[in-house]
Amino acid sequence: MRTKKSGGIGVYGFSILLILVFFAALAFPYFLKMKSGIYKISCKEIRRKIETAVTNYHFNNTHSIAQPGKRVDLDMLMARGYLMEIQYCPEGGKYFFGPKGEILCSQHYPKPEPEDSAGKNTSINVPKGKEND
């Protein structure tokens, strides 16, 4: 007479586990991309708050703090009451002023491409055969 084995997951349990691991491996890159997108949106909102604080500072002061390439002094804006709290980029970027006074993040919005001496952006790619049009 046969006795029933107990314990172990068996073939069906192992195959279900294998399928779940397969789907988890497929979903993981999408999860990372979604996480990066959320960080980018969060950084954009923080930059918007800082731009509002800098604008309010400029309305109340004659001295401009917006100098291209200079880091934004978040501590000063908070100490003077223009920011309620200091928030940082979720991915560790540093905020600085862009060429037009806008707030940029070193992680999500790097410095613009260098321009050549004629003032044209050197990163623009012209399709072959269209150079003289």
C-alpha atoms as a PDB file:
ATOM      1  CA  MET A   1       0.000   0.000   0.000  1.00  0.00           C
ATOM      2  CA  ARG A   2       1.232   3.512  -0.848  1.00  0.00           C
ATOM      3  CA  THR A   3       1.588   6.253   1.681  1.00  0.00           C
ATOM      4  CA  LYS A   4       1.000   9.890   0.759  1.00  0.00           C
ATOM      5  CA  LYS A   5       4.033  12.159   0.964  1.00  0.00           C
ATOM      6  CA  SER A   6       3.579  15.413   2.767  1.00  0.00           C
ATOM      7  CA  GLY A   7       5.674  18.565   2.521  1.00  0.00           C
ATOM      8  CA  GLY A   8       7.431  20.016  -0.514  1.00  0.00           C
ATOM      9  CA  ILE A   9       5.870  22.206  -3.142  1.00  0.00           C
ATOM     10  CA  GLY A  10       5.625  19.731  -5.963  1.00  0.00           C
ATOM     11  CA  VAL A  11       5.795  20.278  -9.689  1.00  0.00           C
ATOM     12  CA  TYR A  12       2.727  22.525  -9.893  1.00  0.00           C
ATOM     13  CA  GLY A  13       3.873  24.766  -7.095  1.00  0.00           C
ATOM     14  CA  PHE A  14       7.324  25.054  -8.602  1.00  0.00           C
ATOM     15  CA  SER A  15       5.918  25.964 -12.042  1.00  0.00           C
ATOM     16  CA  ILE A  16       3.654  28.643 -10.544  1.00  0.00           C
ATOM     17  CA  LEU A  17       6.607  30.072  -8.653  1.00  0.00           C
ATOM     18  CA  LEU A  18       8.678  30.086 -11.850  1.00  0.00           C
ATOM     19  CA  ILE A  19       5.928  31.970 -13.735  1.00  0.00           C
ATOM     20  CA  LEU A  20       5.655  34.570 -10.968  1.00  0.00           C
ATOM     21  CA  VAL A  21       9.410  35.145 -11.002  1.00  0.00           C
ATOM     22  CA  PHE A  22       9.310  35.520 -14.789  1.00  0.00           C
ATOM     23  CA  PHE A  23       6.585  38.205 -14.638  1.00  0.00           C
ATOM     24  CA  ALA A  24       8.383  40.011 -11.820  1.00  0.00           C
ATOM     25  CA  ALA A  25      11.543  40.105 -13.952  1.00  0.00           C
ATOM     26  CA  LEU A  26       9.539  41.608 -16.818  1.00  0.00           C
ATOM     27  CA  ALA A  27       7.916  44.261 -14.617  1.00  0.00           C
ATOM     28  CA  PHE A  28      11.068  45.400 -12.788  1.00  0.00           C
ATOM     29  CA  PRO A  29      12.453  47.711 -15.554  1.00  0.00           C
ATOM     30  CA  TYR A  30       9.052  49.411 -15.828  1.00  0.00           C
ATOM     31  CA  PHE A  31       9.053  49.961 -12.080  1.00  0.00           C
ATOM     32  CA  LEU A  32      12.480  51.625 -12.247  1.00  0.00           C
ATOM     33  CA  LYS A  33      11.386  53.840 -15.146  1.00  0.00           C
ATOM     34  CA  MET A  34       8.225  54.841 -13.287  1.00  0.00           C
ATOM     35  CA  LYS A  35      10.263  55.681 -10.169  1.00  0.00           C
ATOM     36  CA  SER A  36      12.624  57.875 -12.210  1.00  0.00           C
ATOM     37  CA  GLY A  37       9.649  59.662 -13.793  1.00  0.00           C
ATOM     38  CA  ILE A  38       8.147  60.371 -10.383  1.00  0.00           C
ATOM     39  CA  TYR A  39      11.454  61.806  -9.173  1.00  0.00           C
ATOM     40  CA  LYS A  40      11.625  64.046 -12.249  1.00  0.00           C
ATOM     41  CA  ILE A  41       8.090  65.361 -11.643  1.00  0.00           C
ATOM     42  CA  SER A  42       8.871  65.967  -7.972  1.00  0.00           C
ATOM     43  CA  CYS A  43      12.051  67.857  -8.893  1.00  0.00           C
ATOM     44  CA  LYS A  44      10.078  69.997 -11.350  1.00  0.00           C
ATOM     45  CA  GLU A  45       7.586  70.974  -8.635  1.00  0.00           C
ATOM     46  CA  ILE A  46      10.385  71.864  -6.221  1.00  0.00           C
ATOM     47  CA  ARG A  47      12.007  74.021  -8.930  1.00  0.00           C
ATOM     48  CA  ARG A  48       8.663  75.773  -9.481  1.00  0.00           C
ATOM     49  CA  LYS A  49       8.437  76.577  -5.742  1.00  0.00           C
ATOM     50  CA  ILE A  50      12.000  77.911  -5.743  1.00  0.00           C
ATOM     51  CA  GLU A  51      11.278  80.078  -8.822  1.00  0.00           C
ATOM     52  CA  THR A  52       8.254  81.537  -7.017  1.00  0.00           C
ATOM     53  CA  ALA A  53      10.401  82.276  -3.953  1.00  0.00           C
ATOM     54  CA  VAL A  54      13.097  83.941  -6.095  1.00  0.00           C
ATOM     55  CA  THR A  55      10.443  86.030  -7.890  1.00  0.00           C
ATOM     56  CA  ASN A  56       9.007  87.171  -4.549  1.00  0.00           C
ATOM     57  CA  TYR A  57      12.518  88.013  -3.374  1.00  0.00           C
ATOM     58  CA  HIS A  58      13.091  90.150  -6.488  1.00  0.00           C
ATOM     59  CA  PHE A  59       9.820  92.039  -5.947  1.00  0.00           C
ATOM     60  CA  ASN A  60      10.878  92.986  -2.415  1.00  0.00           C
ATOM     61  CA  ASN A  61      14.586  93.674  -2.995  1.00  0.00           C
ATOM     62  CA  THR A  62      16.619  95.717  -5.423  1.00  0.00           C
ATOM     63  CA  HIS A  63      19.557  93.257  -5.403  1.00  0.00           C
ATOM     64  CA  SER A  64      19.112  90.289  -7.775  1.00  0.00           C
ATOM     65  CA  ILE A  65      20.295  86.878  -6.615  1.00  0.00           C
ATOM     66  CA  ALA A  66      19.848  85.297 -10.053  1.00  0.00           C
ATOM     67  CA  GLN A  67      23.293  84.959 -11.593  1.00  0.00           C
ATOM     68  CA  PRO A  68      23.727  82.351 -14.351  1.00  0.00           C
ATOM     69  CA  GLY A  69      25.610  79.290 -13.145  1.00  0.00           C
ATOM     70  CA  LYS A  70      25.392  80.282  -9.474  1.00  0.00           C
ATOM     71  CA  ARG A  71      23.838  77.848  -7.018  1.00  0.00           C
ATOM     72  CA  VAL A  72      20.522  78.868  -5.471  1.00  0.00           C
ATOM     73  CA  ASP A  73      20.927  79.871  -1.819  1.00  0.00           C
ATOM     74  CA  LEU A  74      17.989  77.956  -0.337  1.00  0.00           C
ATOM     75  CA  ASP A  75      19.044  78.713   3.240  1.00  0.00           C
ATOM     76  CA  MET A  76      18.864  82.474   2.630  1.00  0.00           C
ATOM     77  CA  LEU A  77      15.442  82.195   0.958  1.00  0.00           C
ATOM     78  CA  MET A  78      14.114  80.216   3.918  1.00  0.00           C
ATOM     79  CA  ALA A  79      15.703  82.513   6.516  1.00  0.00           C
ATOM     80  CA  ARG A  80      14.031  85.540   4.924  1.00  0.00           C
ATOM     81  CA  GLY A  81      10.638  83.811   4.760  1.00  0.00           C
ATOM     82  CA  TYR A  82      10.392  83.172   1.004  1.00  0.00           C
ATOM     83  CA  LEU A  83      10.443  79.368   1.417  1.00  0.00           C
ATOM     84  CA  MET A  84       8.536  77.476   4.095  1.00  0.00           C
ATOM     85  CA  GLU A  85      10.952  74.548   4.026  1.00  0.00           C
ATOM     86  CA  ILE A  86      14.075  73.524   2.160  1.00  0.00           C
ATOM     87  CA  GLN A  87      13.460  70.745  -0.322  1.00  0.00           C
ATOM     88  CA  TYR A  88      16.136  68.983  -2.306  1.00  0.00           C
ATOM     89  CA  CYS A  89      16.091  67.059  -5.570  1.00  0.00           C
ATOM     90  CA  PRO A  90      15.045  63.441  -4.856  1.00  0.00           C
ATOM     91  CA  GLU A  91      18.017  62.157  -6.855  1.00  0.00           C
ATOM     92  CA  GLY A  92      20.623  64.440  -5.281  1.00  0.00           C
ATOM     93  CA  GLY A  93      20.770  67.165  -7.941  1.00  0.00           C
ATOM     94  CA  LYS A  94      21.841  70.710  -7.058  1.00  0.00           C
ATOM     95  CA  TYR A  95      19.749  73.726  -8.058  1.00  0.00           C
ATOM     96  CA  PHE A  96      21.381  76.603  -9.912  1.00  0.00           C
ATOM     97  CA  PHE A  97      20.360  79.568 -12.047  1.00  0.00           C
ATOM     98  CA  GLY A  98      20.179  79.135 -15.814  1.00  0.00           C
ATOM     99  CA  PRO A  99      21.183  81.724 -18.431  1.00  0.00           C
ATOM    100  CA  LYS A 100      17.741  83.385 -18.341  1.00  0.00           C
ATOM    101  CA  GLY A 101      17.370  83.294 -14.557  1.00  0.00           C
ATOM    102  CA  GLU A 102      15.384  80.056 -14.509  1.00  0.00           C
ATOM    103  CA  ILE A 103      16.050  77.401 -11.888  1.00  0.00           C
ATOM    104  CA  LEU A 104      17.798  74.296 -13.241  1.00  0.00           C
ATOM    105  CA  CYS A 105      18.696  70.987 -11.620  1.00  0.00           C
ATOM    106  CA  SER A 106      22.065  69.386 -12.225  1.00  0.00           C
ATOM    107  CA  GLN A 107      20.480  65.918 -12.229  1.00  0.00           C
ATOM    108  CA  HIS A 108      17.344  66.421 -14.342  1.00  0.00           C
ATOM    109  CA  TYR A 109      17.998  69.575 -16.336  1.00  0.00           C
ATOM    110  CA  PRO A 110      21.709  69.873 -17.145  1.00  0.00           C
ATOM    111  CA  LYS A 111      23.352  72.975 -18.542  1.00  0.00           C
ATOM    112  CA  PRO A 112      22.423  73.846 -22.138  1.00  0.00           C
ATOM    113  CA  GLU A 113      24.637  72.707 -24.989  1.00  0.00           C
ATOM    114  CA  PRO A 114      27.544  75.074 -25.785  1.00  0.00           C
ATOM    115  CA  GLU A 115      27.073  77.467 -28.646  1.00  0.00           C
ATOM    116  CA  ASP A 116      29.624  78.148 -31.365  1.00  0.00           C
ATOM    117  CA  SER A 117      30.978  81.646 -32.096  1.00  0.00           C
ATOM    118  CA  ALA A 118      28.143  82.401 -34.565  1.00  0.00           C
ATOM    119  CA  GLY A 119      25.559  81.861 -31.811  1.00  0.00           C
ATOM    120  CA  LYS A 120      24.223  78.634 -33.258  1.00  0.00           C
ATOM    121  CA  ASN A 121      23.614  75.648 -31.044  1.00  0.00           C
ATOM    122  CA  THR A 122      26.165  72.993 -31.971  1.00  0.00           C
ATOM    123  CA  SER A 123      23.926  70.112 -30.900  1.00  0.00           C
ATOM    124  CA  ILE A 124      21.469  70.552 -33.783  1.00  0.00           C
ATOM    125  CA  ASN A 125      21.884  67.788 -36.331  1.00  0.00           C
ATOM    126  CA  VAL A 126      21.218  68.761 -39.940  1.00  0.00           C
ATOM    127  CA  PRO A 127      20.207  65.829 -42.166  1.00  0.00           C
ATOM    128  CA  LYS A 128      22.725  65.009 -44.892  1.00  0.00           C
ATOM    129  CA  GLY A 129      21.959  66.718 -48.190  1.00  0.00           C
ATOM    130  CA  LYS A 130      20.011  69.537 -46.452  1.00  0.00           C
ATOM    131  CA  GLU A 131      22.978  71.701 -45.416  1.00  0.00           C
ATOM    132  CA  ASN A 132      22.435  74.317 -48.144  1.00  0.00           C
ATOM    133  CA  ASP A 133      18.634  74.601 -47.937  1.00  0.00           C
END
